[in-house]
Amino acid sequence: MRAAVAAQEAGADVALLSKLHPTRSHSGAAEGGINAALGNASEDNPESHAFDTVKGSDYLADQDAVEILCDSAPEDVYELEHWGALFSRTADGRIAQRPFGAAGAPRTAYAADITGHVLIQVLYEQIVRREIPVYEEWYAWRLVVDGGRCVGVLAWDLLNGGLKSVGAKATIIATGGPGRLYAGSTNAYACTGDGMAMALRAGAPLEDMEMMQFHPTTLAPSGVLITEGCRGEGAYLVNASGERFLKHYAPHAMELASRDVISRAVQTEIDGGRGVDGSVMLDLRHLGAERILERLHNTRELSLTFAGVDPIYDPIPVRPGAHYHMGGVDTDVWGRTPIEGLYAAGEAACVSVHGANRLGGNALMETITFGKRAGRHAAENLGGGGEVSESAVRDAQRELSDLVARTDGERPWSIRNELAESMHDNFGVFRREAGMQEQTRIVERLRERYARVVVEDKGDVFNSDLTQALELGCLLDLAACMVEAGLARKESRGAHARPDDYPKRDDENFLRHTIVTWADGRPKLDWKPVTITRWQPAEREY
């Protein structure tokens, strides 16, 4: 939505396609806040924000992109405020900021613990106000590339049925991540990485696909996100003995260490038998009812609804869950991909401002800053094309018709469940060579089964059977890319932890990005250097 507003402001004729109503998109589930060095809670500046981001990334982030993000953040947050974003306030009326993990200052602006919900409503208001057309419940399925240039997209109209073509002189992918690759995920059911898979199949490279972030505090057993804002407000993580165990892993930062450090600590406690029924406990009781109800009311509601626990009186059971994908479509700092006319922004893209580990609060900021930049650049640099050929539509229609006409085969859900469970087991918080090799074989077998998948619903209108089958194809392709990249990265860096065979970071050999392309029906691996502008790699301590 931010890209669409920027493109229209730059003079372009713009439209949005979304497989959901825009305010049902998963950014609405972001709880904790958005990072900007406003300096409202303590002295802060964009340089400090940038350093924290680079350090948090385990030095895999591209520092030119990080500096753009952090320099732009204050202005972009104030713009959201002027559009009507209702941020929580300090006593003197300024935007309130809370501490978040691995940050040198309290720089996370927030709206209680429903920040994403507030921002997505504000942005949709801008779309409506500007009369930008929205084709909602259109499932974008295939990019159309003609003469090396992206000229539009083919989409399935869920509401009315049928394949539709949309020609465009520039196309921006902003479709989020593939969190539903995993059992135990904070992500909505719709987070299936469609945009990444479309770009991959069209010939665009994907970057750092092995870097899936596991959030340390997801509600057991549902996987619902329990915001880092809880720890920002002062909550404790304790094991079965009531011990604040992070003193053994991050003695200085404790609960405000980086997410990868805390996720490994929590998983280690659970694996070592020091958990409670496969979880550790997040204790908010000492914060008091008034503070919980004012700043963490959504967390309390989620805990009551999904776990039957009231955090005012009892600690919440939490454990790591798949949360955010730091990898994505390889782009430059304007969102451009190597395919002419094709851009990407947000979690679907890898610019790369998160490297091997994203700091909480930087994801919402990335969507605003790089959505704005991608929209503006695309509108100001429109090339030729913009028409989808009839032959491209006919070929795609034939492929879909063949899929729907199939009567014998396997339903998609069983393959999807096996993929999610096996990724959780073999490509989770900790990765091991044997497990990743086994996952390669599992994904290959699942892809063979997918070739015979059957769509039970033969109708056109609201055929979610069809779209779920197409989503599964996206997930399978992305899983193959992730495991291929994970096996190649023979080190431990950020979210990619290999404790048994490569427990240390190896800057000499692996201070570089993995790049995956699709060739002959399988992923092909390459590398590209990390952009370092100011900060040389150093050991991370929290």
Protein backbone atom coordinates (compact mmCIF):
# COMPACT_ATOMS: atom_id res chain seq x y z
CA MET A 1 0.00 0.00 0.00
CA ARG A 2 2.88 2.39 0.73
CA ALA A 3 4.34 1.64 -2.70
CA ALA A 4 0.99 2.34 -4.37
CA VAL A 5 0.66 5.72 -2.65
CA ALA A 6 4.22 6.68 -3.64
CA ALA A 7 3.71 5.57 -7.24
CA GLN A 8 0.52 7.60 -7.56
CA GLU A 9 2.21 10.66 -6.01
CA ALA A 10 4.90 10.31 -8.69
CA GLY A 11 2.22 10.47 -11.40
CA ALA A 12 1.63 6.82 -12.22
CA ASP A 13 -1.66 5.09 -12.94
CA VAL A 14 -1.55 2.42 -10.23
CA ALA A 15 -3.67 -0.46 -8.95
CA LEU A 16 -3.36 -3.02 -6.17
CA LEU A 17 -3.89 -6.78 -6.44
CA SER A 18 -4.37 -8.72 -3.22
CA LYS A 19 -5.48 -12.28 -2.52
CA LEU A 20 -7.06 -10.90 0.68
CA HIS A 21 -8.91 -7.74 1.54
CA PRO A 22 -5.95 -5.42 2.23
CA THR A 23 -6.67 -4.93 5.93
CA ARG A 24 -6.70 -8.71 6.39
CA SER A 25 -3.06 -8.88 5.28
CA HIS A 26 -0.62 -10.25 7.82
CA SER A 27 1.07 -6.93 8.65
CA GLY A 28 -2.00 -6.38 10.80
CA ALA A 29 -0.70 -9.05 13.17
CA ALA A 30 2.54 -7.16 13.88
CA GLU A 31 2.26 -6.17 17.52
CA GLY A 32 5.32 -4.63 19.11
CA GLY A 33 6.19 -1.52 17.12
CA ILE A 34 8.17 0.26 14.43
CA ASN A 35 11.78 1.43 14.85
CA ALA A 36 12.93 5.01 14.31
CA ALA A 37 15.57 7.08 16.10
CA LEU A 38 13.16 9.78 17.30
CA GLY A 39 14.96 10.21 20.62
CA ASN A 40 11.73 10.56 22.58
CA ALA A 41 12.66 8.14 25.39
CA SER A 42 16.43 8.70 25.53
CA GLU A 43 19.17 10.16 23.38
CA ASP A 44 19.29 8.37 20.02
CA ASN A 45 20.32 8.88 16.40
CA PRO A 46 20.11 7.06 13.04
CA GLU A 47 23.79 6.07 13.22
CA SER A 48 23.19 4.15 16.46
CA HIS A 49 20.10 2.52 14.91
CA ALA A 50 22.15 1.49 11.89
CA PHE A 51 24.96 0.01 13.98
CA ASP A 52 22.50 -1.98 16.10
CA THR A 53 20.87 -3.29 12.93
CA VAL A 54 24.19 -4.32 11.35
CA LYS A 55 25.39 -5.98 14.55
CA GLY A 56 22.04 -7.69 15.01
CA SER A 57 22.23 -9.03 11.45
CA ASP A 58 25.44 -10.86 12.43
CA TYR A 59 27.10 -8.55 9.88
CA LEU A 60 25.31 -10.09 6.88
CA ALA A 61 23.13 -7.01 6.20
CA ASP A 62 24.11 -4.68 3.35
CA GLN A 63 25.16 -1.55 5.16
CA ASP A 64 24.20 0.92 2.41
CA ALA A 65 20.59 -0.33 2.62
CA VAL A 66 20.68 -0.25 6.44
CA GLU A 67 21.80 3.40 6.46
CA ILE A 68 18.98 4.34 4.07
CA LEU A 69 16.46 2.59 6.34
CA CYS A 70 17.67 4.24 9.53
CA ASP A 71 18.16 7.71 8.04
CA SER A 72 14.67 7.65 6.49
CA ALA A 73 12.86 6.17 9.48
CA PRO A 74 12.08 9.29 11.56
CA GLU A 75 10.58 11.23 8.66
CA ASP A 76 8.58 8.19 7.52
CA VAL A 77 7.15 7.61 11.01
CA TYR A 78 6.12 11.26 11.35
CA GLU A 79 4.41 10.99 7.96
CA LEU A 80 2.40 8.03 9.24
CA GLU A 81 1.51 10.06 12.34
CA HIS A 82 0.30 12.95 10.19
CA TRP A 83 -1.84 10.53 8.19
CA GLY A 84 -3.57 9.54 11.42
CA ALA A 85 -1.57 6.71 13.03
CA LEU A 86 -2.57 6.69 16.71
CA PHE A 87 0.73 5.98 18.43
CA SER A 88 0.95 5.63 22.19
CA ARG A 89 2.16 8.85 23.83
CA THR A 90 4.55 10.10 26.46
CA ALA A 91 3.23 12.33 29.26
CA ASP A 92 4.19 15.44 27.27
CA GLY A 93 2.45 14.22 24.10
CA ARG A 94 5.34 12.87 22.02
CA ILE A 95 5.31 9.45 20.33
CA ALA A 96 6.17 6.88 23.03
CA GLN A 97 9.09 4.51 22.44
CA ARG A 98 9.85 1.22 24.20
CA PRO A 99 13.04 -0.86 24.42
CA PHE A 100 13.35 -3.79 22.01
CA GLY A 101 15.93 -6.54 21.71
CA ALA A 102 19.52 -5.67 20.77
CA ALA A 103 18.73 -1.94 20.57
CA GLY A 104 21.04 0.61 22.15
CA ALA A 105 18.12 2.90 23.04
CA PRO A 106 14.33 2.66 23.41
CA ARG A 107 13.48 3.42 19.75
CA THR A 108 10.43 1.27 19.03
CA ALA A 109 7.41 3.52 18.47
CA TYR A 110 4.21 1.65 19.26
CA ALA A 111 0.44 1.73 19.44
CA ALA A 112 -0.08 -0.39 22.59
CA ASP A 113 0.53 -3.92 21.24
CA ILE A 114 -1.50 -3.55 18.02
CA THR A 115 0.93 -1.41 16.00
CA GLY A 116 0.60 -3.34 12.73
CA HIS A 117 -3.19 -3.22 12.96
CA VAL A 118 -3.11 0.56 13.37
CA LEU A 119 -0.69 1.13 10.49
CA ILE A 120 -2.50 -1.13 8.04
CA GLN A 121 -5.77 0.75 8.68
CA VAL A 122 -4.05 4.11 8.18
CA LEU A 123 -2.49 3.01 4.89
CA TYR A 124 -5.75 1.55 3.60
CA GLU A 125 -7.42 4.88 4.39
CA GLN A 126 -4.85 6.51 2.10
CA ILE A 127 -5.66 4.00 -0.67
CA VAL A 128 -9.39 4.76 -0.36
CA ARG A 129 -8.83 8.51 -0.11
CA ARG A 130 -6.74 8.51 -3.30
CA GLU A 131 -9.24 6.24 -5.10
CA ILE A 132 -6.55 3.71 -5.98
CA PRO A 133 -8.37 0.66 -7.42
CA VAL A 134 -7.96 -2.55 -5.44
CA TYR A 135 -8.54 -5.94 -7.04
CA GLU A 136 -9.08 -7.83 -3.82
CA GLU A 137 -9.35 -11.60 -3.66
CA TRP A 138 -7.35 -11.86 -6.88
CA TYR A 139 -4.69 -14.54 -6.46
CA ALA A 140 -1.58 -13.43 -8.38
CA TRP A 141 -0.13 -16.61 -9.83
CA ARG A 142 2.31 -15.93 -12.65
CA LEU A 143 4.45 -13.02 -13.77
CA VAL A 144 4.50 -12.46 -17.51
CA VAL A 145 7.98 -11.76 -18.92
CA ASP A 146 8.31 -10.74 -22.57
CA GLY A 147 11.67 -9.95 -24.12
CA GLY A 148 13.37 -9.94 -20.71
CA ARG A 149 10.88 -7.43 -19.29
CA CYS A 150 8.05 -8.03 -16.82
CA VAL A 151 4.88 -6.80 -18.55
CA GLY A 152 2.28 -7.82 -15.97
CA VAL A 153 0.73 -10.65 -14.04
CA LEU A 154 -1.84 -13.42 -14.41
CA ALA A 155 -4.24 -13.80 -11.52
CA TRP A 156 -7.16 -16.01 -10.52
CA ASP A 157 -10.31 -14.06 -9.60
CA LEU A 158 -11.51 -15.83 -6.46
CA LEU A 159 -14.78 -13.94 -6.16
CA ASN A 160 -16.03 -14.38 -9.72
CA GLY A 161 -13.83 -17.19 -10.99
CA GLY A 162 -11.58 -17.20 -14.00
CA LEU A 163 -8.05 -16.26 -15.00
CA LYS A 164 -7.43 -12.54 -15.46
CA SER A 165 -4.48 -10.72 -16.97
CA VAL A 166 -3.21 -7.35 -15.77
CA GLY A 167 -0.71 -5.56 -17.96
CA ALA A 168 1.74 -3.20 -16.28
CA LYS A 169 4.80 -1.19 -17.22
CA ALA A 170 6.13 -1.87 -13.71
CA THR A 171 5.17 -4.57 -11.22
CA ILE A 172 6.01 -4.48 -7.50
CA ILE A 173 5.91 -7.70 -5.48
CA ALA A 174 4.97 -7.00 -1.84
CA THR A 175 3.41 -10.32 -0.89
CA GLY A 176 5.16 -11.13 2.40
CA GLY A 177 6.94 -14.27 3.50
CA PRO A 178 6.58 -18.06 3.43
CA GLY A 179 6.09 -18.66 7.17
CA ARG A 180 3.52 -21.37 6.51
CA LEU A 181 6.40 -23.60 5.42
CA TYR A 182 6.58 -24.52 9.11
CA ALA A 183 4.41 -26.22 11.68
CA GLY A 184 4.41 -23.87 14.64
CA SER A 185 4.40 -20.49 12.91
CA THR A 186 3.20 -17.03 13.91
CA ASN A 187 2.16 -16.49 10.29
CA ALA A 188 -1.36 -16.45 8.89
CA TYR A 189 -2.49 -19.31 6.68
CA ALA A 190 -2.12 -17.01 3.67
CA CYS A 191 1.66 -16.49 4.15
CA THR A 192 2.84 -18.86 1.44
CA GLY A 193 5.60 -16.88 -0.29
CA ASP A 194 3.70 -16.55 -3.58
CA GLY A 195 5.61 -13.48 -4.74
CA MET A 196 9.01 -15.04 -4.08
CA ALA A 197 8.03 -18.16 -6.02
CA MET A 198 6.61 -16.14 -8.93
CA ALA A 199 9.82 -14.14 -9.17
CA LEU A 200 11.97 -17.28 -8.95
CA ARG A 201 10.04 -18.98 -11.76
CA ALA A 202 10.27 -15.82 -13.88
CA GLY A 203 14.07 -15.92 -13.62
CA ALA A 204 14.79 -13.59 -10.69
CA PRO A 205 17.34 -14.70 -8.07
CA LEU A 206 16.44 -15.23 -4.41
CA GLU A 207 18.87 -14.13 -1.69
CA ASP A 208 19.68 -15.60 1.77
CA MET A 209 16.82 -18.11 1.64
CA GLU A 210 18.26 -20.12 4.56
CA MET A 211 17.64 -17.23 6.95
CA MET A 212 14.27 -17.96 8.57
CA GLN A 213 13.83 -16.17 11.88
CA PHE A 214 12.32 -18.03 14.82
CA HIS A 215 10.59 -15.74 17.29
CA PRO A 216 11.49 -16.83 20.83
CA THR A 217 8.02 -16.26 22.33
CA THR A 218 5.10 -17.85 20.52
CA LEU A 219 2.14 -19.12 22.47
CA ALA A 220 2.12 -22.85 23.07
CA PRO A 221 0.64 -24.83 21.44
CA SER A 222 -1.02 -22.55 18.85
CA GLY A 223 2.05 -20.58 17.66
CA VAL A 224 0.27 -17.23 18.10
CA LEU A 225 2.78 -14.39 18.46
CA ILE A 226 3.47 -13.03 21.94
CA THR A 227 5.10 -9.70 21.19
CA GLU A 228 8.65 -8.73 22.05
CA GLY A 229 6.93 -5.69 23.53
CA CYS A 230 6.31 -7.82 26.64
CA ARG A 231 10.04 -8.10 27.23
CA GLY A 232 10.44 -4.45 26.22
CA GLU A 233 8.09 -3.58 29.08
CA GLY A 234 10.14 -5.74 31.47
CA ALA A 235 8.75 -9.31 31.33
CA TYR A 236 11.01 -12.19 32.40
CA LEU A 237 11.71 -15.55 30.75
CA VAL A 238 12.00 -18.36 33.31
CA ASN A 239 12.47 -22.13 33.15
CA ALA A 240 10.80 -24.87 35.19
CA SER A 241 12.86 -23.89 38.24
CA GLY A 242 11.76 -20.26 38.01
CA GLU A 243 15.28 -19.24 36.97
CA ARG A 244 15.85 -16.32 34.59
CA PHE A 245 18.01 -18.58 32.46
CA LEU A 246 19.16 -15.90 30.00
CA LYS A 247 21.88 -14.95 32.49
CA HIS A 248 23.72 -18.01 31.10
CA TYR A 249 23.35 -16.92 27.45
CA ALA A 250 23.16 -13.09 27.33
CA PRO A 251 24.21 -11.85 30.79
CA HIS A 252 24.16 -8.14 29.90
CA ALA A 253 21.06 -7.77 27.73
CA MET A 254 19.10 -10.68 29.30
CA GLU A 255 15.56 -10.69 27.80
CA LEU A 256 16.52 -7.88 25.43
CA ALA A 257 19.21 -9.76 23.53
CA SER A 258 18.73 -10.38 19.80
CA ARG A 259 16.04 -12.79 18.71
CA ASP A 260 18.36 -15.49 17.41
CA VAL A 261 20.26 -15.58 20.72
CA ILE A 262 17.07 -15.85 22.79
CA SER A 263 15.46 -18.44 20.49
CA ARG A 264 18.53 -20.68 20.79
CA ALA A 265 18.56 -20.18 24.56
CA VAL A 266 14.87 -21.08 24.90
CA GLN A 267 15.25 -24.13 22.64
CA THR A 268 18.34 -25.26 24.56
CA GLU A 269 16.45 -25.03 27.86
CA ILE A 270 13.55 -27.03 26.44
CA ASP A 271 15.84 -29.65 24.83
CA GLY A 272 17.76 -29.92 28.11
CA GLY A 273 14.60 -30.86 30.05
CA ARG A 274 14.38 -27.55 31.90
CA GLY A 275 11.14 -26.47 30.26
CA VAL A 276 7.50 -26.96 31.21
CA ASP A 277 5.68 -29.30 28.82
CA GLY A 278 7.86 -28.25 25.88
CA SER A 279 7.79 -24.53 26.74
CA VAL A 280 9.39 -21.96 29.00
CA MET A 281 7.39 -19.34 30.88
CA LEU A 282 7.04 -15.61 30.12
CA ASP A 283 6.29 -13.84 33.39
CA LEU A 284 4.53 -10.45 33.27
CA ARG A 285 2.98 -10.52 36.74
CA HIS A 286 5.42 -8.06 38.31
CA LEU A 287 4.44 -5.42 35.70
CA GLY A 288 1.06 -5.06 37.39
CA ALA A 289 -2.47 -5.12 36.00
CA GLU A 290 -2.59 -1.43 35.08
CA ARG A 291 0.49 -1.55 32.86
CA ILE A 292 -0.56 -4.82 31.21
CA LEU A 293 -4.04 -3.48 30.44
CA GLU A 294 -2.67 -0.19 29.07
CA ARG A 295 0.24 -1.40 26.95
CA LEU A 296 -0.26 -5.15 26.44
CA HIS A 297 -4.01 -5.61 26.36
CA ASN A 298 -3.91 -7.58 23.08
CA THR A 299 -1.32 -9.97 24.55
CA ARG A 300 -3.60 -10.59 27.51
CA GLU A 301 -6.55 -11.23 25.22
CA LEU A 302 -4.56 -13.67 23.06
CA SER A 303 -3.30 -15.52 26.16
CA LEU A 304 -6.80 -15.84 27.57
CA THR A 305 -8.32 -16.91 24.25
CA PHE A 306 -5.71 -19.39 23.05
CA ALA A 307 -4.12 -20.69 26.26
CA GLY A 308 -6.66 -19.95 28.99
CA VAL A 309 -3.98 -18.01 30.89
CA ASP A 310 -4.39 -14.53 32.34
CA PRO A 311 -0.89 -12.96 32.41
CA ILE A 312 -1.95 -10.63 35.21
CA TYR A 313 -2.01 -13.69 37.50
CA ASP A 314 0.00 -16.46 35.77
CA PRO A 315 3.03 -16.77 33.45
CA ILE A 316 2.45 -17.55 29.75
CA PRO A 317 3.86 -20.77 28.16
CA VAL A 318 6.01 -19.82 25.15
CA ARG A 319 8.45 -21.47 22.76
CA PRO A 320 10.23 -20.54 19.49
CA GLY A 321 8.18 -20.49 16.30
CA ALA A 322 8.83 -19.61 12.65
CA HIS A 323 8.17 -15.90 12.34
CA TYR A 324 9.95 -13.88 9.64
CA HIS A 325 11.99 -14.63 6.54
CA MET A 326 15.09 -12.44 6.19
CA GLY A 327 15.67 -13.73 2.64
CA GLY A 328 13.64 -13.00 -0.48
CA VAL A 329 13.81 -11.61 -3.99
CA ASP A 330 17.23 -10.06 -4.60
CA THR A 331 16.81 -6.28 -5.05
CA ASP A 332 18.88 -3.12 -5.02
CA VAL A 333 18.15 -0.20 -2.67
CA TRP A 334 15.34 1.02 -4.99
CA GLY A 335 13.60 -2.35 -4.97
CA ARG A 336 14.72 -3.24 -8.50
CA THR A 337 15.23 -6.90 -9.40
CA PRO A 338 17.48 -8.05 -12.28
CA ILE A 339 14.31 -8.38 -14.43
CA GLU A 340 13.40 -5.09 -16.13
CA GLY A 341 10.13 -3.69 -14.84
CA LEU A 342 9.99 -5.97 -11.79
CA TYR A 343 10.41 -4.66 -8.23
CA ALA A 344 10.01 -6.18 -4.78
CA ALA A 345 9.69 -4.72 -1.28
CA GLY A 346 9.01 -5.80 2.30
CA GLU A 347 9.39 -9.35 3.54
CA ALA A 348 9.09 -10.72 -0.01
CA ALA A 349 12.32 -8.87 -0.87
CA CYS A 350 15.90 -9.07 0.35
CA VAL A 351 17.51 -5.65 0.06
CA SER A 352 19.22 -6.77 2.62
CA VAL A 353 18.60 -4.79 5.83
CA HIS A 354 18.17 -7.82 8.11
CA GLY A 355 21.04 -10.08 7.09
CA ALA A 356 21.06 -13.20 9.24
CA ASN A 357 18.85 -11.84 12.03
CA ARG A 358 16.19 -9.13 12.01
CA LEU A 359 15.76 -6.78 14.95
CA GLY A 360 12.21 -6.52 16.23
CA GLY A 361 10.58 -3.30 15.02
CA ASN A 362 12.63 -3.11 11.81
CA ALA A 363 10.17 -5.07 9.65
CA LEU A 364 7.30 -2.58 9.70
CA MET A 365 9.84 0.19 9.11
CA GLU A 366 11.26 -1.67 6.11
CA THR A 367 7.82 -1.99 4.50
CA ILE A 368 7.28 1.77 4.75
CA THR A 369 10.74 2.97 3.71
CA PHE A 370 11.37 0.54 0.87
CA GLY A 371 7.73 0.37 -0.22
CA LYS A 372 7.90 4.15 -0.66
CA ARG A 373 11.21 3.97 -2.54
CA ALA A 374 10.10 1.12 -4.83
CA GLY A 375 6.83 2.84 -5.70
CA ARG A 376 8.51 6.14 -6.49
CA HIS A 377 11.33 4.63 -8.55
CA ALA A 378 8.96 2.38 -10.51
CA ALA A 379 6.69 5.32 -11.37
CA GLU A 380 9.58 7.56 -12.41
CA ASN A 381 11.25 4.93 -14.61
CA LEU A 382 8.43 3.35 -16.59
CA GLY A 383 9.63 1.61 -19.71
CA GLY A 384 7.78 0.02 -22.60
CA GLY A 385 5.50 -2.97 -22.55
CA GLY A 386 2.54 -3.27 -20.27
CA GLU A 387 0.52 -5.66 -22.41
CA VAL A 388 0.06 -9.38 -21.70
CA SER A 389 -0.09 -11.46 -24.86
CA GLU A 390 -3.06 -13.70 -25.64
CA SER A 391 -0.70 -16.67 -25.99
CA ALA A 392 0.54 -16.21 -22.39
CA VAL A 393 -3.05 -16.22 -21.16
CA ARG A 394 -3.94 -19.31 -23.25
CA ASP A 395 -0.92 -21.26 -21.99
CA ALA A 396 -1.70 -20.44 -18.37
CA GLN A 397 -5.40 -21.22 -18.82
CA ARG A 398 -4.55 -24.61 -20.29
CA GLU A 399 -2.30 -25.41 -17.33
CA LEU A 400 -4.98 -24.46 -14.80
CA SER A 401 -7.68 -26.36 -16.70
CA ASP A 402 -5.55 -29.49 -16.73
CA LEU A 403 -5.01 -29.19 -12.97
CA VAL A 404 -8.72 -28.72 -12.21
CA ALA A 405 -9.75 -31.52 -14.61
CA ARG A 406 -7.59 -34.12 -12.84
CA THR A 407 -9.78 -36.62 -10.96
CA ASP A 408 -7.24 -39.05 -9.47
CA GLY A 409 -4.53 -37.98 -7.06
CA GLU A 410 -3.75 -36.64 -3.63
CA ARG A 411 -5.35 -33.64 -1.91
CA PRO A 412 -2.92 -30.75 -1.25
CA TRP A 413 -3.41 -30.59 2.53
CA SER A 414 -1.58 -33.85 3.33
CA ILE A 415 1.50 -32.77 1.35
CA ARG A 416 1.40 -29.33 2.95
CA ASN A 417 1.21 -30.81 6.46
CA GLU A 418 4.14 -33.17 5.82
CA LEU A 419 6.19 -30.29 4.41
CA ALA A 420 5.50 -28.12 7.46
CA GLU A 421 6.26 -30.85 10.00
CA SER A 422 9.46 -31.92 8.25
CA MET A 423 10.74 -28.35 7.89
CA HIS A 424 10.13 -27.85 11.62
CA ASP A 425 12.07 -31.03 12.42
CA ASN A 426 14.95 -30.69 9.96
CA PHE A 427 15.35 -26.95 9.31
CA GLY A 428 14.35 -25.30 12.57
CA VAL A 429 16.15 -23.32 15.26
CA PHE A 430 19.09 -25.73 14.98
CA ARG A 431 20.22 -27.26 11.68
CA ARG A 432 22.24 -30.43 11.26
CA GLU A 433 23.81 -31.87 8.11
CA ALA A 434 21.96 -35.19 8.25
CA GLY A 435 18.63 -33.48 8.89
CA MET A 436 19.09 -31.03 6.02
CA GLN A 437 20.12 -33.84 3.66
CA GLU A 438 17.01 -35.76 4.69
CA GLN A 439 14.90 -32.64 4.13
CA THR A 440 16.26 -32.37 0.59
CA ARG A 441 15.04 -35.91 -0.08
CA ILE A 442 11.68 -35.22 1.60
CA VAL A 443 11.06 -32.10 -0.51
CA GLU A 444 11.96 -34.00 -3.69
CA ARG A 445 9.48 -36.78 -2.81
CA LEU A 446 6.79 -34.23 -1.95
CA ARG A 447 7.36 -32.46 -5.26
CA GLU A 448 6.88 -35.78 -7.08
CA ARG A 449 3.60 -36.27 -5.23
CA TYR A 450 2.58 -32.69 -5.96
CA ALA A 451 2.81 -33.40 -9.70
CA ARG A 452 -0.25 -35.64 -9.21
CA VAL A 453 -2.19 -33.42 -6.83
CA VAL A 454 -5.95 -33.23 -7.35
CA VAL A 455 -8.29 -30.23 -6.93
CA GLU A 456 -11.57 -31.60 -5.61
CA ASP A 457 -13.61 -28.43 -6.24
CA LYS A 458 -14.24 -28.17 -10.00
CA GLY A 459 -16.09 -24.85 -9.82
CA ASP A 460 -14.96 -21.32 -10.57
CA VAL A 461 -16.39 -19.23 -7.74
CA PHE A 462 -14.47 -19.18 -4.44
CA ASN A 463 -12.40 -22.18 -5.47
CA SER A 464 -10.03 -22.14 -2.50
CA ASP A 465 -9.06 -25.74 -3.34
CA LEU A 466 -7.39 -24.43 -6.49
CA THR A 467 -5.55 -21.54 -4.82
CA GLN A 468 -4.36 -23.80 -1.99
CA ALA A 469 -2.93 -26.21 -4.55
CA LEU A 470 -1.11 -23.32 -6.25
CA GLU A 471 0.16 -22.04 -2.89
CA LEU A 472 1.54 -25.48 -2.10
CA GLY A 473 3.56 -25.40 -5.31
CA CYS A 474 5.09 -22.10 -4.17
CA LEU A 475 5.97 -23.50 -0.75
CA LEU A 476 7.63 -26.59 -2.22
CA ASP A 477 9.82 -24.55 -4.57
CA LEU A 478 10.87 -22.21 -1.76
CA ALA A 479 11.61 -25.10 0.62
CA ALA A 480 13.98 -26.59 -1.96
CA CYS A 481 15.78 -23.24 -2.24
CA MET A 482 16.05 -22.80 1.53
CA VAL A 483 17.56 -26.21 2.19
CA GLU A 484 19.97 -25.89 -0.75
CA ALA A 485 21.24 -22.58 0.66
CA GLY A 486 21.37 -23.97 4.22
CA LEU A 487 23.55 -26.90 3.23
CA ALA A 488 25.94 -24.56 1.39
CA ARG A 489 26.37 -22.19 4.35
CA LYS A 490 28.82 -24.20 6.46
CA GLU A 491 28.90 -21.90 9.48
CA SER A 492 26.65 -20.61 12.26
CA ARG A 493 25.48 -17.04 11.63
CA GLY A 494 22.35 -15.46 13.08
CA ALA A 495 19.29 -17.60 12.45
CA HIS A 496 21.38 -20.28 10.71
CA ALA A 497 22.75 -22.31 13.62
CA ARG A 498 24.76 -25.50 13.01
CA PRO A 499 25.90 -26.42 16.54
CA ASP A 500 27.25 -29.90 15.76
CA ASP A 501 29.50 -29.40 12.74
CA TYR A 502 30.02 -25.63 12.22
CA PRO A 503 29.30 -23.91 15.57
CA LYS A 504 31.23 -20.69 14.78
CA ARG A 505 30.78 -17.83 12.35
CA ASP A 506 33.24 -18.02 9.46
CA ASP A 507 33.76 -14.55 7.99
CA GLU A 508 36.66 -15.66 5.80
CA ASN A 509 34.52 -18.06 3.78
CA PHE A 510 30.89 -17.06 4.38
CA LEU A 511 30.64 -13.30 4.85
CA ARG A 512 28.55 -13.32 1.68
CA HIS A 513 24.97 -13.78 0.54
CA THR A 514 23.60 -17.00 -0.90
CA ILE A 515 21.90 -16.51 -4.26
CA VAL A 516 19.51 -19.14 -5.63
CA THR A 517 18.06 -19.32 -9.14
CA TRP A 518 15.82 -21.98 -10.69
CA ALA A 519 17.29 -24.12 -13.46
CA ASP A 520 16.08 -27.42 -14.92
CA GLY A 521 13.47 -27.88 -12.22
CA ARG A 522 15.76 -27.43 -9.24
CA PRO A 523 17.60 -24.69 -7.30
CA LYS A 524 21.05 -23.56 -8.44
CA LEU A 525 23.31 -21.90 -5.87
CA ASP A 526 25.66 -18.94 -6.22
CA TRP A 527 27.06 -16.20 -3.94
CA LYS A 528 27.41 -12.42 -3.86
CA PRO A 529 29.42 -10.13 -1.55
CA VAL A 530 28.03 -8.24 1.43
CA THR A 531 28.15 -4.44 1.10
CA ILE A 532 30.22 -3.01 3.95
CA THR A 533 30.35 0.78 4.24
CA ARG A 534 31.31 1.56 7.84
CA TRP A 535 31.30 -1.34 10.27
CA GLN A 536 33.71 -4.25 10.01
CA PRO A 537 32.51 -7.60 11.38
CA ALA A 538 33.08 -8.10 15.10
CA GLU A 539 32.03 -10.66 17.65
CA ARG A 540 28.48 -10.13 18.88
CA GLU A 541 27.99 -9.92 22.63
CA TYR A 542 24.76 -9.12 24.46
